[in-house]
Protein backbone atom coordinates (compact mmCIF):
# COMPACT_ATOMS: atom_id res chain seq x y z
CA UNK A 1 0.00 0.00 0.00
CA UNK A 2 1.28 3.50 -0.71
CA UNK A 3 0.42 7.18 -0.70
CA UNK A 4 1.94 10.19 -2.39
CA UNK A 5 1.83 13.62 -0.85
CA UNK A 6 3.46 17.02 -0.77
CA UNK A 7 5.49 17.65 2.36
CA UNK A 8 3.86 20.65 4.03
CA UNK A 9 5.58 20.45 7.43
CA UNK A 10 7.52 23.73 7.50
CA UNK A 11 10.62 21.91 8.77
CA UNK A 12 10.54 19.28 6.03
CA UNK A 13 11.94 15.96 7.11
CA UNK A 14 14.85 17.23 9.17
CA UNK A 15 16.02 16.30 12.67
CA UNK A 16 12.96 16.89 14.86
CA UNK A 17 10.28 15.64 12.42
CA UNK A 18 12.47 12.66 11.45
CA UNK A 19 12.90 11.68 15.11
CA UNK A 20 9.16 12.05 15.68
CA UNK A 21 8.41 9.91 12.63
CA UNK A 22 10.74 7.11 13.79
CA UNK A 23 9.17 7.18 17.27
CA UNK A 24 5.60 7.12 15.93
CA UNK A 25 6.05 4.16 13.61
CA UNK A 26 8.04 2.06 16.10
CA UNK A 27 4.83 0.74 17.66
CA UNK A 28 3.42 -0.55 14.36
CA UNK A 29 3.96 -3.98 12.87
CA UNK A 30 4.75 -2.60 9.43
CA UNK A 31 7.67 -1.86 7.18
CA UNK A 32 7.70 1.71 5.88
CA UNK A 33 9.80 3.25 3.14
CA UNK A 34 9.80 6.88 1.99
CA UNK A 35 10.93 7.93 -1.46
CA UNK A 36 11.72 11.53 -2.41
CA UNK A 37 13.03 11.99 -5.92
CA UNK A 38 15.55 9.23 -6.63
CA UNK A 39 16.33 8.63 -2.94
CA UNK A 40 14.69 5.99 -0.74
CA UNK A 41 14.80 5.68 3.04
CA UNK A 42 13.75 3.14 5.62
CA UNK A 43 11.41 5.13 7.88
CA UNK A 44 12.69 3.27 10.94
CA UNK A 45 16.16 4.80 10.47
CA UNK A 46 16.67 8.45 11.39
CA UNK A 47 19.95 8.59 9.47
CA UNK A 48 18.27 7.19 6.37
CA UNK A 49 15.47 9.77 6.67
CA UNK A 50 17.89 12.66 7.10
CA UNK A 51 19.82 11.52 4.03
CA UNK A 52 16.71 12.19 1.92
CA UNK A 53 17.18 15.94 2.43
CA UNK A 54 13.40 16.32 2.03
CA UNK A 55 11.99 19.78 2.52
CA UNK A 56 8.64 21.55 2.30
CA UNK A 57 7.18 21.30 -1.17
CA UNK A 58 8.90 18.01 -2.03
CA UNK A 59 6.70 15.11 -3.11
CA UNK A 60 7.05 11.97 -1.02
CA UNK A 61 5.90 8.46 -1.86
CA UNK A 62 5.31 6.42 1.30
CA UNK A 63 5.11 2.65 0.94
CA UNK A 64 4.08 0.35 3.77
CA UNK A 65 3.44 -3.35 4.20
CA UNK A 66 2.49 -5.57 7.09
CA UNK A 67 -0.49 -5.97 9.44
CA UNK A 68 -0.41 -2.31 10.56
CA UNK A 69 0.42 -0.84 7.14
CA UNK A 70 -2.51 1.57 6.97
CA UNK A 71 -2.01 2.92 10.51
CA UNK A 72 1.72 3.35 9.85
CA UNK A 73 0.96 5.29 6.66
CA UNK A 74 -1.43 7.55 8.58
CA UNK A 75 1.29 8.25 11.16
CA UNK A 76 3.85 9.17 8.49
CA UNK A 77 1.36 11.41 6.68
CA UNK A 78 0.63 13.23 9.95
CA UNK A 79 4.31 14.01 10.53
CA UNK A 80 4.93 15.15 6.95
CA UNK A 81 1.88 17.39 6.75
CA UNK A 82 1.66 18.94 10.24
CA UNK A 83 4.14 21.18 11.99
CA UNK A 84 5.70 19.40 14.93
PDB file of N, CA and C in Angstrom:
ATOM      1  N   UNK A   1       0.854  -1.160   0.000  1.00  0.00           N
ATOM      2  CA  UNK A   1       0.000   0.000   0.000  1.00  0.00           C
ATOM      3  C   UNK A   1       0.907   1.231   0.000  1.00  0.00           C
ATOM      4  N   UNK A   2       0.456   2.281  -0.662  1.00  0.00           N
ATOM      5  CA  UNK A   2       1.278   3.496  -0.712  1.00  0.00           C
ATOM      6  C   UNK A   2       0.407   4.740  -0.800  1.00  0.00           C
ATOM      7  N   UNK A   3       1.035   5.860  -0.515  1.00  0.00           N
ATOM      8  CA  UNK A   3       0.415   7.179  -0.700  1.00  0.00           C
ATOM      9  C   UNK A   3       1.491   8.137  -1.194  1.00  0.00           C
ATOM     10  N   UNK A   4       1.059   9.103  -1.975  1.00  0.00           N
ATOM     11  CA  UNK A   4       1.945  10.187  -2.395  1.00  0.00           C
ATOM     12  C   UNK A   4       1.376  11.480  -1.845  1.00  0.00           C
ATOM     13  N   UNK A   5       2.272  12.354  -1.410  1.00  0.00           N
ATOM     14  CA  UNK A   5       1.826  13.623  -0.849  1.00  0.00           C
ATOM     15  C   UNK A   5       2.915  14.669  -0.973  1.00  0.00           C
ATOM     16  N   UNK A   6       2.501  15.909  -0.840  1.00  0.00           N
ATOM     17  CA  UNK A   6       3.456  17.015  -0.775  1.00  0.00           C
ATOM     18  C   UNK A   6       3.787  17.256   0.692  1.00  0.00           C
ATOM     19  N   UNK A   7       5.061  17.372   0.984  1.00  0.00           N
ATOM     20  CA  UNK A   7       5.486  17.654   2.356  1.00  0.00           C
ATOM     21  C   UNK A   7       5.137  19.101   2.664  1.00  0.00           C
ATOM     22  N   UNK A   8       4.272  19.300   3.656  1.00  0.00           N
ATOM     23  CA  UNK A   8       3.861  20.651   4.033  1.00  0.00           C
ATOM     24  C   UNK A   8       4.344  21.041   5.423  1.00  0.00           C
ATOM     25  N   UNK A   9       4.963  20.111   6.142  1.00  0.00           N
ATOM     26  CA  UNK A   9       5.580  20.447   7.429  1.00  0.00           C
ATOM     27  C   UNK A   9       6.649  21.503   7.139  1.00  0.00           C
ATOM     28  N   UNK A  10       6.604  22.625   7.809  1.00  0.00           N
ATOM     29  CA  UNK A  10       7.521  23.729   7.499  1.00  0.00           C
ATOM     30  C   UNK A  10       8.986  23.393   7.759  1.00  0.00           C
ATOM     31  N   UNK A  11       9.241  22.335   8.497  1.00  0.00           N
ATOM     32  CA  UNK A  11      10.624  21.906   8.771  1.00  0.00           C
ATOM     33  C   UNK A  11      11.087  20.843   7.789  1.00  0.00           C
ATOM     34  N   UNK A  12      10.197  20.377   6.930  1.00  0.00           N
ATOM     35  CA  UNK A  12      10.542  19.279   6.031  1.00  0.00           C
ATOM     36  C   UNK A  12      10.738  18.014   6.844  1.00  0.00           C
ATOM     37  N   UNK A  13      11.655  17.202   6.402  1.00  0.00           N
ATOM     38  CA  UNK A  13      11.943  15.963   7.107  1.00  0.00           C
ATOM     39  C   UNK A  13      13.359  16.056   7.665  1.00  0.00           C
ATOM     40  N   UNK A  14      13.543  17.026   8.550  1.00  0.00           N
ATOM     41  CA  UNK A  14      14.846  17.231   9.165  1.00  0.00           C
ATOM     42  C   UNK A  14      14.833  16.661  10.575  1.00  0.00           C
ATOM     43  N   UNK A  15      15.767  16.995  11.402  1.00  0.00           N
ATOM     44  CA  UNK A  15      16.021  16.302  12.669  1.00  0.00           C
ATOM     45  C   UNK A  15      14.789  16.054  13.547  1.00  0.00           C
ATOM     46  N   UNK A  16      14.095  17.085  13.941  1.00  0.00           N
ATOM     47  CA  UNK A  16      12.960  16.887  14.857  1.00  0.00           C
ATOM     48  C   UNK A  16      11.817  16.084  14.223  1.00  0.00           C
ATOM     49  N   UNK A  17      11.342  16.443  13.026  1.00  0.00           N
ATOM     50  CA  UNK A  17      10.280  15.640  12.418  1.00  0.00           C
ATOM     51  C   UNK A  17      10.727  14.199  12.123  1.00  0.00           C
ATOM     52  N   UNK A  18      11.973  14.015  11.734  1.00  0.00           N
ATOM     53  CA  UNK A  18      12.469  12.660  11.453  1.00  0.00           C
ATOM     54  C   UNK A  18      12.464  11.821  12.733  1.00  0.00           C
ATOM     55  N   UNK A  19      12.905  12.403  13.833  1.00  0.00           N
ATOM     56  CA  UNK A  19      12.900  11.683  15.109  1.00  0.00           C
ATOM     57  C   UNK A  19      11.473  11.355  15.537  1.00  0.00           C
ATOM     58  N   UNK A  20      10.560  12.286  15.334  1.00  0.00           N
ATOM     59  CA  UNK A  20       9.158  12.047  15.679  1.00  0.00           C
ATOM     60  C   UNK A  20       8.573  10.935  14.817  1.00  0.00           C
ATOM     61  N   UNK A  21       8.908  10.934  13.538  1.00  0.00           N
ATOM     62  CA  UNK A  21       8.405   9.909  12.634  1.00  0.00           C
ATOM     63  C   UNK A  21       8.896   8.524  13.066  1.00  0.00           C
ATOM     64  N   UNK A  22      10.183   8.389  13.359  1.00  0.00           N
ATOM     65  CA  UNK A  22      10.743   7.111  13.795  1.00  0.00           C
ATOM     66  C   UNK A  22      10.048   6.638  15.067  1.00  0.00           C
ATOM     67  N   UNK A  23       9.823   7.554  16.010  1.00  0.00           N
ATOM     68  CA  UNK A  23       9.168   7.184  17.270  1.00  0.00           C
ATOM     69  C   UNK A  23       7.722   6.751  17.038  1.00  0.00           C
ATOM     70  N   UNK A  24       7.011   7.451  16.170  1.00  0.00           N
ATOM     71  CA  UNK A  24       5.597   7.122  15.933  1.00  0.00           C
ATOM     72  C   UNK A  24       5.411   5.759  15.277  1.00  0.00           C
ATOM     73  N   UNK A  25       6.264   5.419  14.322  1.00  0.00           N
ATOM     74  CA  UNK A  25       6.051   4.159  13.613  1.00  0.00           C
ATOM     75  C   UNK A  25       6.632   2.947  14.342  1.00  0.00           C
ATOM     76  N   UNK A  26       7.418   3.174  15.375  1.00  0.00           N
ATOM     77  CA  UNK A  26       8.043   2.059  16.103  1.00  0.00           C
ATOM     78  C   UNK A  26       7.014   1.097  16.693  1.00  0.00           C
ATOM     79  N   UNK A  27       5.846   1.588  17.020  1.00  0.00           N
ATOM     80  CA  UNK A  27       4.833   0.738  17.656  1.00  0.00           C
ATOM     81  C   UNK A  27       4.004  -0.077  16.661  1.00  0.00           C
ATOM     82  N   UNK A  28       4.203   0.152  15.374  1.00  0.00           N
ATOM     83  CA  UNK A  28       3.422  -0.551  14.364  1.00  0.00           C
ATOM     84  C   UNK A  28       4.165  -1.769  13.832  1.00  0.00           C
ATOM     85  N   UNK A  29       3.406  -2.799  13.500  1.00  0.00           N
ATOM     86  CA  UNK A  29       3.958  -3.985  12.866  1.00  0.00           C
ATOM     87  C   UNK A  29       3.853  -3.770  11.363  1.00  0.00           C
ATOM     88  N   UNK A  30       4.771  -2.951  10.849  1.00  0.00           N
ATOM     89  CA  UNK A  30       4.750  -2.601   9.427  1.00  0.00           C
ATOM     90  C   UNK A  30       6.134  -2.128   9.000  1.00  0.00           C
ATOM     91  N   UNK A  31       6.472  -2.417   7.781  1.00  0.00           N
ATOM     92  CA  UNK A  31       7.674  -1.857   7.182  1.00  0.00           C
ATOM     93  C   UNK A  31       7.276  -0.620   6.409  1.00  0.00           C
ATOM     94  N   UNK A  32       8.045   0.454   6.553  1.00  0.00           N
ATOM     95  CA  UNK A  32       7.698   1.715   5.883  1.00  0.00           C
ATOM     96  C   UNK A  32       8.926   2.257   5.168  1.00  0.00           C
ATOM     97  N   UNK A  33       8.730   2.649   3.930  1.00  0.00           N
ATOM     98  CA  UNK A  33       9.798   3.250   3.138  1.00  0.00           C
ATOM     99  C   UNK A  33       9.287   4.568   2.567  1.00  0.00           C
ATOM    100  N   UNK A  34      10.154   5.571   2.550  1.00  0.00           N
ATOM    101  CA  UNK A  34       9.798   6.880   1.993  1.00  0.00           C
ATOM    102  C   UNK A  34      10.736   7.170   0.829  1.00  0.00           C
ATOM    103  N   UNK A  35      10.155   7.605  -0.274  1.00  0.00           N
ATOM    104  CA  UNK A  35      10.925   7.933  -1.463  1.00  0.00           C
ATOM    105  C   UNK A  35      10.689   9.395  -1.815  1.00  0.00           C
ATOM    106  N   UNK A  36      11.776  10.129  -1.990  1.00  0.00           N
ATOM    107  CA  UNK A  36      11.717  11.531  -2.409  1.00  0.00           C
ATOM    108  C   UNK A  36      12.702  11.670  -3.559  1.00  0.00           C
ATOM    109  N   UNK A  37      12.170  11.950  -4.737  1.00  0.00           N
ATOM    110  CA  UNK A  37      13.034  11.986  -5.923  1.00  0.00           C
ATOM    111  C   UNK A  37      13.599  10.599  -6.169  1.00  0.00           C
ATOM    112  N   UNK A  38      14.896  10.512  -6.371  1.00  0.00           N
ATOM    113  CA  UNK A  38      15.548   9.227  -6.632  1.00  0.00           C
ATOM    114  C   UNK A  38      16.044   8.554  -5.356  1.00  0.00           C
ATOM    115  N   UNK A  39      15.828   9.176  -4.202  1.00  0.00           N
ATOM    116  CA  UNK A  39      16.328   8.633  -2.943  1.00  0.00           C
ATOM    117  C   UNK A  39      15.228   7.900  -2.185  1.00  0.00           C
ATOM    118  N   UNK A  40      15.616   6.773  -1.555  1.00  0.00           N
ATOM    119  CA  UNK A  40      14.692   5.992  -0.736  1.00  0.00           C
ATOM    120  C   UNK A  40      15.264   5.864   0.662  1.00  0.00           C
ATOM    121  N   UNK A  41      14.369   5.808   1.649  1.00  0.00           N
ATOM    122  CA  UNK A  41      14.795   5.685   3.036  1.00  0.00           C
ATOM    123  C   UNK A  41      13.888   4.731   3.792  1.00  0.00           C
ATOM    124  N   UNK A  42      14.492   3.953   4.665  1.00  0.00           N
ATOM    125  CA  UNK A  42      13.747   3.135   5.619  1.00  0.00           C
ATOM    126  C   UNK A  42      13.264   4.092   6.703  1.00  0.00           C
ATOM    127  N   UNK A  43      11.964   4.160   6.927  1.00  0.00           N
ATOM    128  CA  UNK A  43      11.411   5.126   7.878  1.00  0.00           C
ATOM    129  C   UNK A  43      11.734   4.795   9.327  1.00  0.00           C
ATOM    130  N   UNK A  44      12.305   3.630   9.586  1.00  0.00           N
ATOM    131  CA  UNK A  44      12.694   3.268  10.945  1.00  0.00           C
ATOM    132  C   UNK A  44      14.100   3.762  11.277  1.00  0.00           C
ATOM    133  N   UNK A  45      14.780   4.345  10.293  1.00  0.00           N
ATOM    134  CA  UNK A  45      16.161   4.800  10.473  1.00  0.00           C
ATOM    135  C   UNK A  45      16.255   6.316  10.341  1.00  0.00           C
ATOM    136  N   UNK A  46      16.575   6.985  11.432  1.00  0.00           N
ATOM    137  CA  UNK A  46      16.665   8.450  11.390  1.00  0.00           C
ATOM    138  C   UNK A  46      17.757   8.907  10.427  1.00  0.00           C
ATOM    139  N   UNK A  47      18.869   8.191  10.375  1.00  0.00           N
ATOM    140  CA  UNK A  47      19.953   8.594   9.468  1.00  0.00           C
ATOM    141  C   UNK A  47      19.513   8.455   8.006  1.00  0.00           C
ATOM    142  N   UNK A  48      18.775   7.408   7.716  1.00  0.00           N
ATOM    143  CA  UNK A  48      18.266   7.193   6.372  1.00  0.00           C
ATOM    144  C   UNK A  48      17.291   8.308   5.989  1.00  0.00           C
ATOM    145  N   UNK A  49      16.424   8.686   6.927  1.00  0.00           N
ATOM    146  CA  UNK A  49      15.468   9.765   6.669  1.00  0.00           C
ATOM    147  C   UNK A  49      16.175  11.096   6.439  1.00  0.00           C
ATOM    148  N   UNK A  50      17.168  11.398   7.254  1.00  0.00           N
ATOM    149  CA  UNK A  50      17.890  12.660   7.104  1.00  0.00           C
ATOM    150  C   UNK A  50      18.632  12.724   5.777  1.00  0.00           C
ATOM    151  N   UNK A  51      19.093  11.561   5.299  1.00  0.00           N
ATOM    152  CA  UNK A  51      19.825  11.522   4.032  1.00  0.00           C
ATOM    153  C   UNK A  51      18.937  11.879   2.838  1.00  0.00           C
ATOM    154  N   UNK A  52      17.617  11.797   3.003  1.00  0.00           N
ATOM    155  CA  UNK A  52      16.715  12.187   1.922  1.00  0.00           C
ATOM    156  C   UNK A  52      16.828  13.675   1.610  1.00  0.00           C
ATOM    157  N   UNK A  53      17.120  14.496   2.628  1.00  0.00           N
ATOM    158  CA  UNK A  53      17.177  15.937   2.426  1.00  0.00           C
ATOM    159  C   UNK A  53      15.840  16.513   2.005  1.00  0.00           C
ATOM    160  N   UNK A  54      14.747  15.915   2.453  1.00  0.00           N
ATOM    161  CA  UNK A  54      13.404  16.325   2.026  1.00  0.00           C
ATOM    162  C   UNK A  54      12.963  17.596   2.737  1.00  0.00           C
ATOM    163  N   UNK A  55      12.457  18.523   1.967  1.00  0.00           N
ATOM    164  CA  UNK A  55      11.992  19.776   2.525  1.00  0.00           C
ATOM    165  C   UNK A  55      10.556  20.068   2.132  1.00  0.00           C
ATOM    166  N   UNK A  56      10.008  21.161   2.656  1.00  0.00           N
ATOM    167  CA  UNK A  56       8.642  21.548   2.299  1.00  0.00           C
ATOM    168  C   UNK A  56       8.507  21.702   0.782  1.00  0.00           C
ATOM    169  N   UNK A  57       7.416  21.211   0.256  1.00  0.00           N
ATOM    170  CA  UNK A  57       7.177  21.298  -1.175  1.00  0.00           C
ATOM    171  C   UNK A  57       7.627  20.080  -1.959  1.00  0.00           C
ATOM    172  N   UNK A  58       8.495  19.245  -1.367  1.00  0.00           N
ATOM    173  CA  UNK A  58       8.896  18.008  -2.033  1.00  0.00           C
ATOM    174  C   UNK A  58       7.739  17.019  -2.038  1.00  0.00           C
ATOM    175  N   UNK A  59       7.685  16.182  -3.046  1.00  0.00           N
ATOM    176  CA  UNK A  59       6.699  15.111  -3.108  1.00  0.00           C
ATOM    177  C   UNK A  59       7.318  13.852  -2.532  1.00  0.00           C
ATOM    178  N   UNK A  60       6.590  13.206  -1.636  1.00  0.00           N
ATOM    179  CA  UNK A  60       7.053  11.970  -1.019  1.00  0.00           C
ATOM    180  C   UNK A  60       6.106  10.837  -1.377  1.00  0.00           C
ATOM    181  N   UNK A  61       6.681   9.687  -1.646  1.00  0.00           N
ATOM    182  CA  UNK A  61       5.896   8.459  -1.855  1.00  0.00           C
ATOM    183  C   UNK A  61       6.196   7.567  -0.661  1.00  0.00           C
ATOM    184  N   UNK A  62       5.172   7.237   0.104  1.00  0.00           N
ATOM    185  CA  UNK A  62       5.314   6.420   1.301  1.00  0.00           C
ATOM    186  C   UNK A  62       4.734   5.049   0.995  1.00  0.00           C
ATOM    187  N   UNK A  63       5.532   4.017   1.189  1.00  0.00           N
ATOM    188  CA  UNK A  63       5.112   2.648   0.943  1.00  0.00           C
ATOM    189  C   UNK A  63       5.165   1.897   2.260  1.00  0.00           C
ATOM    190  N   UNK A  64       4.135   1.108   2.529  1.00  0.00           N
ATOM    191  CA  UNK A  64       4.078   0.352   3.772  1.00  0.00           C
ATOM    192  C   UNK A  64       3.501  -1.028   3.517  1.00  0.00           C
ATOM    193  N   UNK A  65       4.020  -2.012   4.271  1.00  0.00           N
ATOM    194  CA  UNK A  65       3.443  -3.350   4.204  1.00  0.00           C
ATOM    195  C   UNK A  65       3.455  -3.955   5.599  1.00  0.00           C
ATOM    196  N   UNK A  66       2.595  -4.924   5.800  1.00  0.00           N
ATOM    197  CA  UNK A  66       2.487  -5.573   7.093  1.00  0.00           C
ATOM    198  C   UNK A  66       1.104  -5.382   7.684  1.00  0.00           C
ATOM    199  N   UNK A  67       0.844  -6.034   8.821  1.00  0.00           N
ATOM    200  CA  UNK A  67      -0.487  -5.969   9.443  1.00  0.00           C
ATOM    201  C   UNK A  67      -0.959  -4.559   9.798  1.00  0.00           C
ATOM    202  N   UNK A  68      -0.039  -3.677  10.160  1.00  0.00           N
ATOM    203  CA  UNK A  68      -0.405  -2.313  10.555  1.00  0.00           C
ATOM    204  C   UNK A  68      -0.071  -1.284   9.478  1.00  0.00           C
ATOM    205  N   UNK A  69      -0.020  -1.716   8.224  1.00  0.00           N
ATOM    206  CA  UNK A  69       0.425  -0.838   7.138  1.00  0.00           C
ATOM    207  C   UNK A  69      -0.369   0.453   7.047  1.00  0.00           C
ATOM    208  N   UNK A  70      -1.696   0.368   7.124  1.00  0.00           N
ATOM    209  CA  UNK A  70      -2.511   1.574   6.974  1.00  0.00           C
ATOM    210  C   UNK A  70      -2.299   2.549   8.128  1.00  0.00           C
ATOM    211  N   UNK A  71      -2.235   2.049   9.348  1.00  0.00           N
ATOM    212  CA  UNK A  71      -2.006   2.920  10.510  1.00  0.00           C
ATOM    213  C   UNK A  71      -0.619   3.551  10.446  1.00  0.00           C
ATOM    214  N   UNK A  72       0.365   2.803   9.985  1.00  0.00           N
ATOM    215  CA  UNK A  72       1.724   3.351   9.854  1.00  0.00           C
ATOM    216  C   UNK A  72       1.741   4.458   8.802  1.00  0.00           C
ATOM    217  N   UNK A  73       1.038   4.249   7.682  1.00  0.00           N
ATOM    218  CA  UNK A  73       0.957   5.294   6.660  1.00  0.00           C
ATOM    219  C   UNK A  73       0.312   6.557   7.221  1.00  0.00           C
ATOM    220  N   UNK A  74      -0.765   6.395   7.976  1.00  0.00           N
ATOM    221  CA  UNK A  74      -1.433   7.552   8.581  1.00  0.00           C
ATOM    222  C   UNK A  74      -0.478   8.319   9.488  1.00  0.00           C
ATOM    223  N   UNK A  75       0.345   7.610  10.251  1.00  0.00           N
ATOM    224  CA  UNK A  75       1.292   8.255  11.165  1.00  0.00           C
ATOM    225  C   UNK A  75       2.347   9.042  10.391  1.00  0.00           C
ATOM    226  N   UNK A  76       2.839   8.478   9.304  1.00  0.00           N
ATOM    227  CA  UNK A  76       3.846   9.166   8.490  1.00  0.00           C
ATOM    228  C   UNK A  76       3.234  10.407   7.845  1.00  0.00           C
ATOM    229  N   UNK A  77       2.039  10.272   7.298  1.00  0.00           N
ATOM    230  CA  UNK A  77       1.357  11.411   6.677  1.00  0.00           C
ATOM    231  C   UNK A  77       1.183  12.544   7.693  1.00  0.00           C
ATOM    232  N   UNK A  78       0.813  12.204   8.918  1.00  0.00           N
ATOM    233  CA  UNK A  78       0.630  13.227   9.949  1.00  0.00           C
ATOM    234  C   UNK A  78       1.922  14.004  10.189  1.00  0.00           C
ATOM    235  N   UNK A  79       3.035  13.317  10.280  1.00  0.00           N
ATOM    236  CA  UNK A  79       4.314  14.008  10.529  1.00  0.00           C
ATOM    237  C   UNK A  79       4.702  14.888   9.346  1.00  0.00           C
ATOM    238  N   UNK A  80       4.507  14.405   8.137  1.00  0.00           N
ATOM    239  CA  UNK A  80       4.935  15.154   6.954  1.00  0.00           C
ATOM    240  C   UNK A  80       4.034  16.325   6.591  1.00  0.00           C
ATOM    241  N   UNK A  81       2.820  16.335   7.129  1.00  0.00           N
ATOM    242  CA  UNK A  81       1.880  17.393   6.754  1.00  0.00           C
ATOM    243  C   UNK A  81       1.523  18.344   7.889  1.00  0.00           C
ATOM    244  N   UNK A  82       1.948  18.052   9.109  1.00  0.00           N
ATOM    245  CA  UNK A  82       1.655  18.935  10.241  1.00  0.00           C
ATOM    246  C   UNK A  82       2.954  19.447  10.832  1.00  0.00           C
ATOM    247  N   UNK A  83       2.947  20.672  11.304  1.00  0.00           N
ATOM    248  CA  UNK A  83       4.136  21.181  11.989  1.00  0.00           C
ATOM    249  C   UNK A  83       4.248  20.533  13.353  1.00  0.00           C
ATOM    250  N   UNK A  84       5.469  20.076  13.650  1.00  0.00           N
ATOM    251  CA  UNK A  84       5.696  19.399  14.934  1.00  0.00           C
ATOM    252  C   UNK A  84       6.296  20.350  15.948  1.00  0.00           C
TER     253      UNK A  84
END
